[in-house]
Amino acid sequence: MYQERFYRKFMRTQGLVQFNVTEGESDLQIFSECYLENEARMQLKKYRNEIFEYIEVHPEFLTSLVPLVPKNDAPKIVKHMCFAAETAGVGPMAAVAGALSQYVGTALAEYTDEIIIENGGDIYMKNKTDKHVLIYAGNSPLSNKIALLVPGENKPIGVCTSSGTVGHSLSFGKADAVVVISKDVLLADAAATAVCNGVKGIDDLELGLNFAKSIPGIEGIVVIIRDKLGAWGNVSLVNPSTMK
């Protein structure tokens, strides 16, 4: 089911072209140095087809809430989703949004040095200048009051968000926002889901942070539940009112 990405009204960046590509449930908001809608659509169709052709033969890939071992002939993106899911302890489709962001973004890097792809709160970013990611956390009083600083290191990075109170994605937790940072966007996506599933109340906040620490490849995390915030790792938080 499509849900309007209302938070996109806050998205803006200087010096980059902005456009949207939608295929089925996938809705990519893209910022790049040049207009790449045709190239982005081609890559999105390619990787969606690989995933859903695999699902046609192996329907459990779509519905499993636990990690699965990919078949030997599985496409690279499917194997990568399975690896991320195994590492975080969730089903492989928990990494699908991050997978499409990263694989489309990597393909488009042939045409642009700087690129940002947002797919339902899961971001692939290769930025040469500092960027700020505003954290939307539903009805939490901290919603839109905190932004994550992503340094302009011109290296690919993933920033993925999961919520137990916002959106239509399946979640067993109650966190208003779990934001995970990793060079592997699929891993960040799967880990955000896993942590969010485990945070069912304020008392679970530290438990969620400790779980993220235990996952190899996770560089940082922010957890917001109601009026409480916890953070760990390579995380720089700023007040949006101070942003230029």
C-alpha atoms as a PDB file:
ATOM      1  CA  MET A   1       0.000   0.000   0.000  1.00  0.00           C
ATOM      2  CA  TYR A   2       1.359   3.419  -0.982  1.00  0.00           C
ATOM      3  CA  GLN A   3       1.690   5.993   1.772  1.00  0.00           C
ATOM      4  CA  GLU A   4       2.411   9.631   1.041  1.00  0.00           C
ATOM      5  CA  ARG A   5       5.954  10.626   1.989  1.00  0.00           C
ATOM      6  CA  PHE A   6       4.836  13.839   3.720  1.00  0.00           C
ATOM      7  CA  TYR A   7       8.269  14.291   5.301  1.00  0.00           C
ATOM      8  CA  ARG A   8       9.711  15.035   1.866  1.00  0.00           C
ATOM      9  CA  LYS A   9       8.458  18.602   2.106  1.00  0.00           C
ATOM     10  CA  PHE A  10      11.432  19.142   4.451  1.00  0.00           C
ATOM     11  CA  MET A  11      13.954  17.701   1.970  1.00  0.00           C
ATOM     12  CA  ARG A  12      16.171  20.152   0.146  1.00  0.00           C
ATOM     13  CA  THR A  13      19.817  20.494  -0.787  1.00  0.00           C
ATOM     14  CA  GLN A  14      21.806  23.069  -2.688  1.00  0.00           C
ATOM     15  CA  GLY A  15      23.584  22.405  -5.963  1.00  0.00           C
ATOM     16  CA  LEU A  16      21.812  19.129  -6.814  1.00  0.00           C
ATOM     17  CA  VAL A  17      18.960  18.262  -9.162  1.00  0.00           C
ATOM     18  CA  GLN A  18      15.924  16.679  -7.504  1.00  0.00           C
ATOM     19  CA  PHE A  19      13.599  14.126  -9.128  1.00  0.00           C
ATOM     20  CA  ASN A  20      11.386  11.170  -8.263  1.00  0.00           C
ATOM     21  CA  VAL A  21      11.213   7.637  -9.653  1.00  0.00           C
ATOM     22  CA  THR A  22       8.379   5.279  -8.715  1.00  0.00           C
ATOM     23  CA  GLU A  23       7.877   1.635  -9.669  1.00  0.00           C
ATOM     24  CA  GLY A  24       5.270  -0.413  -7.824  1.00  0.00           C
ATOM     25  CA  GLU A  25       5.778   0.057  -4.088  1.00  0.00           C
ATOM     26  CA  SER A  26       9.223   1.597  -4.611  1.00  0.00           C
ATOM     27  CA  ASP A  27       9.267   5.391  -4.441  1.00  0.00           C
ATOM     28  CA  LEU A  28      12.736   6.925  -4.745  1.00  0.00           C
ATOM     29  CA  GLN A  29      13.428  10.598  -4.118  1.00  0.00           C
ATOM     30  CA  ILE A  30      16.779  11.312  -5.754  1.00  0.00           C
ATOM     31  CA  PHE A  31      19.238  14.212  -5.630  1.00  0.00           C
ATOM     32  CA  SER A  32      22.177  14.165  -8.059  1.00  0.00           C
ATOM     33  CA  GLU A  33      24.444  16.474 -10.021  1.00  0.00           C
ATOM     34  CA  CYS A  34      22.476  15.932 -13.209  1.00  0.00           C
ATOM     35  CA  TYR A  35      19.030  14.711 -14.245  1.00  0.00           C
ATOM     36  CA  LEU A  36      19.093  10.905 -14.272  1.00  0.00           C
ATOM     37  CA  GLU A  37      15.443   9.863 -14.201  1.00  0.00           C
ATOM     38  CA  ASN A  38      15.690   7.454 -17.143  1.00  0.00           C
ATOM     39  CA  GLU A  39      18.844   5.805 -15.827  1.00  0.00           C
ATOM     40  CA  ALA A  40      17.386   5.560 -12.311  1.00  0.00           C
ATOM     41  CA  ARG A  41      14.133   4.020 -13.565  1.00  0.00           C
ATOM     42  CA  MET A  42      16.026   1.450 -15.605  1.00  0.00           C
ATOM     43  CA  GLN A  43      18.121   0.402 -12.608  1.00  0.00           C
ATOM     44  CA  LEU A  44      15.120   0.339 -10.266  1.00  0.00           C
ATOM     45  CA  LYS A  45      13.196  -1.908 -12.668  1.00  0.00           C
ATOM     46  CA  LYS A  46      16.229  -4.173 -13.037  1.00  0.00           C
ATOM     47  CA  TYR A  47      16.725  -4.772  -9.334  1.00  0.00           C
ATOM     48  CA  ARG A  48      13.010  -5.010  -8.530  1.00  0.00           C
ATOM     49  CA  ASN A  49      12.683  -7.652 -11.253  1.00  0.00           C
ATOM     50  CA  GLU A  50      15.592  -9.640  -9.809  1.00  0.00           C
ATOM     51  CA  ILE A  51      14.006  -9.626  -6.351  1.00  0.00           C
ATOM     52  CA  PHE A  52      10.469 -10.453  -7.445  1.00  0.00           C
ATOM     53  CA  GLU A  53      11.520 -13.118  -9.936  1.00  0.00           C
ATOM     54  CA  TYR A  54      13.318 -14.792  -7.034  1.00  0.00           C
ATOM     55  CA  ILE A  55      10.170 -14.470  -4.917  1.00  0.00           C
ATOM     56  CA  GLU A  56       8.095 -16.169  -7.618  1.00  0.00           C
ATOM     57  CA  VAL A  57      10.212 -19.297  -7.210  1.00  0.00           C
ATOM     58  CA  HIS A  58      10.862 -18.902  -3.469  1.00  0.00           C
ATOM     59  CA  PRO A  59       7.747 -17.189  -1.972  1.00  0.00           C
ATOM     60  CA  GLU A  60       9.059 -17.595   1.582  1.00  0.00           C
ATOM     61  CA  PHE A  61      11.560 -14.840   0.792  1.00  0.00           C
ATOM     62  CA  LEU A  62       8.692 -12.345   0.784  1.00  0.00           C
ATOM     63  CA  THR A  63       7.013 -13.396   4.026  1.00  0.00           C
ATOM     64  CA  SER A  64       9.717 -14.787   6.316  1.00  0.00           C
ATOM     65  CA  LEU A  65      10.313 -12.889   9.555  1.00  0.00           C
ATOM     66  CA  VAL A  66      13.515 -14.835  10.224  1.00  0.00           C
ATOM     67  CA  PRO A  67      16.757 -15.025   8.217  1.00  0.00           C
ATOM     68  CA  LEU A  68      16.881 -17.313   5.187  1.00  0.00           C
ATOM     69  CA  VAL A  69      19.781 -18.941   3.348  1.00  0.00           C
ATOM     70  CA  PRO A  70      19.767 -17.803  -0.301  1.00  0.00           C
ATOM     71  CA  LYS A  71      19.930 -20.345  -3.107  1.00  0.00           C
ATOM     72  CA  ASN A  72      23.225 -20.663  -4.954  1.00  0.00           C
ATOM     73  CA  ASP A  73      21.745 -19.127  -8.102  1.00  0.00           C
ATOM     74  CA  ALA A  74      20.173 -16.160  -6.282  1.00  0.00           C
ATOM     75  CA  PRO A  75      20.975 -12.693  -7.686  1.00  0.00           C
ATOM     76  CA  LYS A  76      23.623 -10.676  -5.898  1.00  0.00           C
ATOM     77  CA  ILE A  77      21.068  -8.278  -4.414  1.00  0.00           C
ATOM     78  CA  VAL A  78      19.072 -11.188  -2.943  1.00  0.00           C
ATOM     79  CA  LYS A  79      22.195 -12.731  -1.400  1.00  0.00           C
ATOM     80  CA  HIS A  80      23.114  -9.335   0.038  1.00  0.00           C
ATOM     81  CA  MET A  81      19.638  -8.951   1.562  1.00  0.00           C
ATOM     82  CA  CYS A  82      19.961 -12.399   3.130  1.00  0.00           C
ATOM     83  CA  PHE A  83      23.380 -11.535   4.558  1.00  0.00           C
ATOM     84  CA  ALA A  84      22.097  -8.298   6.107  1.00  0.00           C
ATOM     85  CA  ALA A  85      19.048 -10.093   7.514  1.00  0.00           C
ATOM     86  CA  GLU A  86      21.190 -12.869   9.003  1.00  0.00           C
ATOM     87  CA  THR A  87      23.506 -10.337  10.630  1.00  0.00           C
ATOM     88  CA  ALA A  88      20.607  -8.438  12.211  1.00  0.00           C
ATOM     89  CA  GLY A  89      18.369 -11.443  12.915  1.00  0.00           C
ATOM     90  CA  VAL A  90      15.342 -10.447  10.817  1.00  0.00           C
ATOM     91  CA  GLY A  91      13.613 -11.547   7.620  1.00  0.00           C
ATOM     92  CA  PRO A  92      15.286 -10.617   4.304  1.00  0.00           C
ATOM     93  CA  MET A  93      12.587  -8.194   3.148  1.00  0.00           C
ATOM     94  CA  ALA A  94      13.515  -5.990   6.118  1.00  0.00           C
ATOM     95  CA  ALA A  95      16.425  -4.897   3.920  1.00  0.00           C
ATOM     96  CA  VAL A  96      14.559  -4.363   0.640  1.00  0.00           C
ATOM     97  CA  ALA A  97      14.249  -0.556   0.780  1.00  0.00           C
ATOM     98  CA  GLY A  98      17.900  -0.163   1.695  1.00  0.00           C
ATOM     99  CA  ALA A  99      18.853  -2.660  -1.006  1.00  0.00           C
ATOM    100  CA  LEU A 100      17.137  -0.703  -3.765  1.00  0.00           C
ATOM    101  CA  SER A 101      18.573   2.595  -2.498  1.00  0.00           C
ATOM    102  CA  GLN A 102      22.128   1.247  -2.455  1.00  0.00           C
ATOM    103  CA  TYR A 103      22.069  -0.744  -5.674  1.00  0.00           C
ATOM    104  CA  VAL A 104      20.407   2.026  -7.689  1.00  0.00           C
ATOM    105  CA  GLY A 105      22.694   4.596  -6.084  1.00  0.00           C
ATOM    106  CA  THR A 106      25.834   2.611  -6.851  1.00  0.00           C
ATOM    107  CA  ALA A 107      24.757   2.227 -10.477  1.00  0.00           C
ATOM    108  CA  LEU A 108      24.071   5.945 -10.834  1.00  0.00           C
ATOM    109  CA  ALA A 109      27.498   6.798  -9.396  1.00  0.00           C
ATOM    110  CA  GLU A 110      28.779   6.242 -12.947  1.00  0.00           C
ATOM    111  CA  TYR A 111      27.083   9.514 -13.921  1.00  0.00           C
ATOM    112  CA  THR A 112      27.356  11.681 -10.794  1.00  0.00           C
ATOM    113  CA  ASP A 113      29.926  12.116  -8.049  1.00  0.00           C
ATOM    114  CA  GLU A 114      27.341  13.204  -5.508  1.00  0.00           C
ATOM    115  CA  ILE A 115      24.019  11.421  -4.993  1.00  0.00           C
ATOM    116  CA  ILE A 116      21.321  10.994  -2.361  1.00  0.00           C
ATOM    117  CA  ILE A 117      18.540   8.405  -2.680  1.00  0.00           C
ATOM    118  CA  GLU A 118      15.734   8.275  -0.120  1.00  0.00           C
ATOM    119  CA  ASN A 119      13.391   5.292  -0.196  1.00  0.00           C
ATOM    120  CA  GLY A 120      10.777   5.288   2.569  1.00  0.00           C
ATOM    121  CA  GLY A 121      13.168   6.644   5.179  1.00  0.00           C
ATOM    122  CA  ASP A 122      16.168   4.614   4.028  1.00  0.00           C
ATOM    123  CA  ILE A 123      18.934   6.710   2.514  1.00  0.00           C
ATOM    124  CA  TYR A 124      21.953   5.965   0.340  1.00  0.00           C
ATOM    125  CA  MET A 125      24.239   8.973   0.279  1.00  0.00           C
ATOM    126  CA  LYS A 126      27.543   9.872  -1.336  1.00  0.00           C
ATOM    127  CA  ASN A 127      28.086  13.505  -0.433  1.00  0.00           C
ATOM    128  CA  LYS A 128      30.991  15.865  -0.966  1.00  0.00           C
ATOM    129  CA  THR A 129      29.605  18.524   1.386  1.00  0.00           C
ATOM    130  CA  ASP A 130      28.139  18.187   4.872  1.00  0.00           C
ATOM    131  CA  LYS A 131      24.462  17.198   4.918  1.00  0.00           C
ATOM    132  CA  HIS A 132      21.857  17.145   7.665  1.00  0.00           C
ATOM    133  CA  VAL A 133      19.226  14.441   8.006  1.00  0.00           C
ATOM    134  CA  LEU A 134      16.228  15.692   9.973  1.00  0.00           C
ATOM    135  CA  ILE A 135      14.800  12.979  12.252  1.00  0.00           C
ATOM    136  CA  TYR A 136      11.018  12.645  12.061  1.00  0.00           C
ATOM    137  CA  ALA A 137       9.692  10.722  15.071  1.00  0.00           C
ATOM    138  CA  GLY A 138       5.924  10.898  14.802  1.00  0.00           C
ATOM    139  CA  ASN A 139       4.196  12.288  17.877  1.00  0.00           C
ATOM    140  CA  SER A 140       7.365  12.400  19.964  1.00  0.00           C
ATOM    141  CA  PRO A 141       8.125  15.928  21.243  1.00  0.00           C
ATOM    142  CA  LEU A 142      11.610  15.394  19.787  1.00  0.00           C
ATOM    143  CA  SER A 143      10.261  14.944  16.256  1.00  0.00           C
ATOM    144  CA  ASN A 144      11.931  17.337  13.774  1.00  0.00           C
ATOM    145  CA  LYS A 145      13.876  18.868  16.677  1.00  0.00           C
ATOM    146  CA  ILE A 146      17.093  16.944  15.993  1.00  0.00           C
ATOM    147  CA  ALA A 147      19.154  16.429  12.849  1.00  0.00           C
ATOM    148  CA  LEU A 148      21.971  14.033  12.079  1.00  0.00           C
ATOM    149  CA  LEU A 149      25.125  15.564  10.607  1.00  0.00           C
ATOM    150  CA  VAL A 150      26.605  13.483   7.780  1.00  0.00           C
ATOM    151  CA  PRO A 151      30.122  14.783   6.979  1.00  0.00           C
ATOM    152  CA  GLY A 152      30.979  15.436   3.334  1.00  0.00           C
ATOM    153  CA  GLU A 153      33.591  12.703   2.969  1.00  0.00           C
ATOM    154  CA  ASN A 154      32.617  11.684  -0.601  1.00  0.00           C
ATOM    155  CA  LYS A 155      32.161   8.077   0.551  1.00  0.00           C
ATOM    156  CA  PRO A 156      28.960   5.979   0.363  1.00  0.00           C
ATOM    157  CA  ILE A 157      27.007   5.817   3.609  1.00  0.00           C
ATOM    158  CA  GLY A 158      23.609   4.516   4.636  1.00  0.00           C
ATOM    159  CA  VAL A 159      21.214   6.237   7.047  1.00  0.00           C
ATOM    160  CA  CYS A 160      18.115   4.126   7.665  1.00  0.00           C
ATOM    161  CA  THR A 161      15.084   4.744   9.852  1.00  0.00           C
ATOM    162  CA  SER A 162      12.499   2.387  11.307  1.00  0.00           C
ATOM    163  CA  SER A 163       9.494   3.268  13.460  1.00  0.00           C
ATOM    164  CA  GLY A 164       6.947   1.354  15.468  1.00  0.00           C
ATOM    165  CA  THR A 165       4.531   4.294  15.479  1.00  0.00           C
ATOM    166  CA  VAL A 166       4.911   5.866  12.018  1.00  0.00           C
ATOM    167  CA  GLY A 167       4.176   4.353   8.614  1.00  0.00           C
ATOM    168  CA  HIS A 168       2.756   1.071   7.377  1.00  0.00           C
ATOM    169  CA  SER A 169       5.801  -1.198   7.683  1.00  0.00           C
ATOM    170  CA  LEU A 170       5.462  -4.183  10.000  1.00  0.00           C
ATOM    171  CA  SER A 171       7.032  -3.545  13.416  1.00  0.00           C
ATOM    172  CA  PHE A 172       6.704  -5.264  16.775  1.00  0.00           C
ATOM    173  CA  GLY A 173       8.131  -2.345  18.742  1.00  0.00           C
ATOM    174  CA  LYS A 174       7.044   1.059  19.993  1.00  0.00           C
ATOM    175  CA  ALA A 175      10.036   3.278  19.195  1.00  0.00           C
ATOM    176  CA  ASP A 176       9.091   6.506  17.446  1.00  0.00           C
ATOM    177  CA  ALA A 177      12.337   6.444  15.461  1.00  0.00           C
ATOM    178  CA  VAL A 178      15.386   4.206  15.217  1.00  0.00           C
ATOM    179  CA  VAL A 179      18.081   5.658  12.956  1.00  0.00           C
ATOM    180  CA  VAL A 180      21.050   3.450  12.057  1.00  0.00           C
ATOM    181  CA  ILE A 181      24.250   4.430  10.242  1.00  0.00           C
ATOM    182  CA  SER A 182      26.375   1.974   8.258  1.00  0.00           C
ATOM    183  CA  LYS A 183      28.410   1.904   5.081  1.00  0.00           C
ATOM    184  CA  ASP A 184      26.147  -1.012   4.105  1.00  0.00           C
ATOM    185  CA  VAL A 185      22.667   0.453   3.563  1.00  0.00           C
ATOM    186  CA  LEU A 186      21.075  -3.008   3.597  1.00  0.00           C
ATOM    187  CA  LEU A 187      22.613  -3.737   6.986  1.00  0.00           C
ATOM    188  CA  ALA A 188      21.498  -0.349   8.330  1.00  0.00           C
ATOM    189  CA  ASP A 189      17.950  -1.058   7.121  1.00  0.00           C
ATOM    190  CA  ALA A 190      17.805  -4.553   8.637  1.00  0.00           C
ATOM    191  CA  ALA A 191      19.403  -3.406  11.905  1.00  0.00           C
ATOM    192  CA  ALA A 192      16.976  -0.487  12.263  1.00  0.00           C
ATOM    193  CA  THR A 193      14.091  -2.948  11.936  1.00  0.00           C
ATOM    194  CA  ALA A 194      15.630  -5.344  14.449  1.00  0.00           C
ATOM    195  CA  VAL A 195      16.288  -2.662  17.050  1.00  0.00           C
ATOM    196  CA  CYS A 196      12.849  -1.122  16.566  1.00  0.00           C
ATOM    197  CA  ASN A 197      11.229  -4.532  17.078  1.00  0.00           C
ATOM    198  CA  GLY A 198      12.947  -4.861  20.435  1.00  0.00           C
ATOM    199  CA  VAL A 199      12.181  -1.402  21.828  1.00  0.00           C
ATOM    200  CA  LYS A 200       8.711  -1.847  23.295  1.00  0.00           C
ATOM    201  CA  GLY A 201       9.044   0.796  26.008  1.00  0.00           C
ATOM    202  CA  ILE A 202      11.406   3.401  27.467  1.00  0.00           C
ATOM    203  CA  ASP A 203      13.059   0.728  29.614  1.00  0.00           C
ATOM    204  CA  ASP A 204      14.223  -1.009  26.406  1.00  0.00           C
ATOM    205  CA  LEU A 205      16.105   1.999  25.047  1.00  0.00           C
ATOM    206  CA  GLU A 206      19.498   0.967  26.403  1.00  0.00           C
ATOM    207  CA  LEU A 207      18.837  -2.625  25.351  1.00  0.00           C
ATOM    208  CA  GLY A 208      18.319  -1.419  21.789  1.00  0.00           C
ATOM    209  CA  LEU A 209      21.553   0.557  21.789  1.00  0.00           C
ATOM    210  CA  ASN A 210      23.503  -2.407  23.150  1.00  0.00           C
ATOM    211  CA  PHE A 211      22.044  -4.686  20.500  1.00  0.00           C
ATOM    212  CA  ALA A 212      23.140  -2.285  17.757  1.00  0.00           C
ATOM    213  CA  LYS A 213      26.643  -2.192  19.245  1.00  0.00           C
ATOM    214  CA  SER A 214      26.840  -5.973  18.886  1.00  0.00           C
ATOM    215  CA  ILE A 215      26.173  -5.928  15.121  1.00  0.00           C
ATOM    216  CA  PRO A 216      29.387  -5.810  13.062  1.00  0.00           C
ATOM    217  CA  GLY A 217      29.311  -2.981  10.537  1.00  0.00           C
ATOM    218  CA  ILE A 218      27.012  -0.637  12.449  1.00  0.00           C
ATOM    219  CA  GLU A 219      28.702   2.731  12.951  1.00  0.00           C
ATOM    220  CA  GLY A 220      26.059   4.596  14.938  1.00  0.00           C
ATOM    221  CA  ILE A 221      22.468   4.633  16.128  1.00  0.00           C
ATOM    222  CA  VAL A 222      19.850   7.018  17.489  1.00  0.00           C
ATOM    223  CA  VAL A 223      16.735   5.746  19.283  1.00  0.00           C
ATOM    224  CA  ILE A 224      13.786   7.991  20.130  1.00  0.00           C
ATOM    225  CA  ILE A 225      10.816   6.811  22.161  1.00  0.00           C
ATOM    226  CA  ARG A 226       8.369   9.410  23.418  1.00  0.00           C
ATOM    227  CA  ASP A 227      10.472  12.141  25.111  1.00  0.00           C
ATOM    228  CA  LYS A 228      13.619  10.031  25.507  1.00  0.00           C
ATOM    229  CA  LEU A 229      16.623   9.774  23.204  1.00  0.00           C
ATOM    230  CA  GLY A 230      19.628   7.466  23.255  1.00  0.00           C
ATOM    231  CA  ALA A 231      22.596   7.460  20.887  1.00  0.00           C
ATOM    232  CA  TRP A 232      25.776   5.489  20.358  1.00  0.00           C
ATOM    233  CA  GLY A 233      28.693   5.456  17.971  1.00  0.00           C
ATOM    234  CA  ASN A 234      29.771   7.838  15.237  1.00  0.00           C
ATOM    235  CA  VAL A 235      26.786  10.153  15.647  1.00  0.00           C
ATOM    236  CA  SER A 236      26.753  13.965  15.452  1.00  0.00           C
ATOM    237  CA  LEU A 237      23.421  15.533  16.394  1.00  0.00           C
ATOM    238  CA  VAL A 238      22.599  19.174  15.753  1.00  0.00           C
ATOM    239  CA  ASN A 239      19.709  21.551  16.402  1.00  0.00           C
ATOM    240  CA  PRO A 240      17.899  22.172  13.082  1.00  0.00           C
ATOM    241  CA  SER A 241      17.331  25.805  14.059  1.00  0.00           C
ATOM    242  CA  THR A 242      21.098  26.371  13.805  1.00  0.00           C
ATOM    243  CA  MET A 243      21.347  24.870  10.315  1.00  0.00           C
ATOM    244  CA  LYS A 244      21.995  27.229   7.421  1.00  0.00           C
END
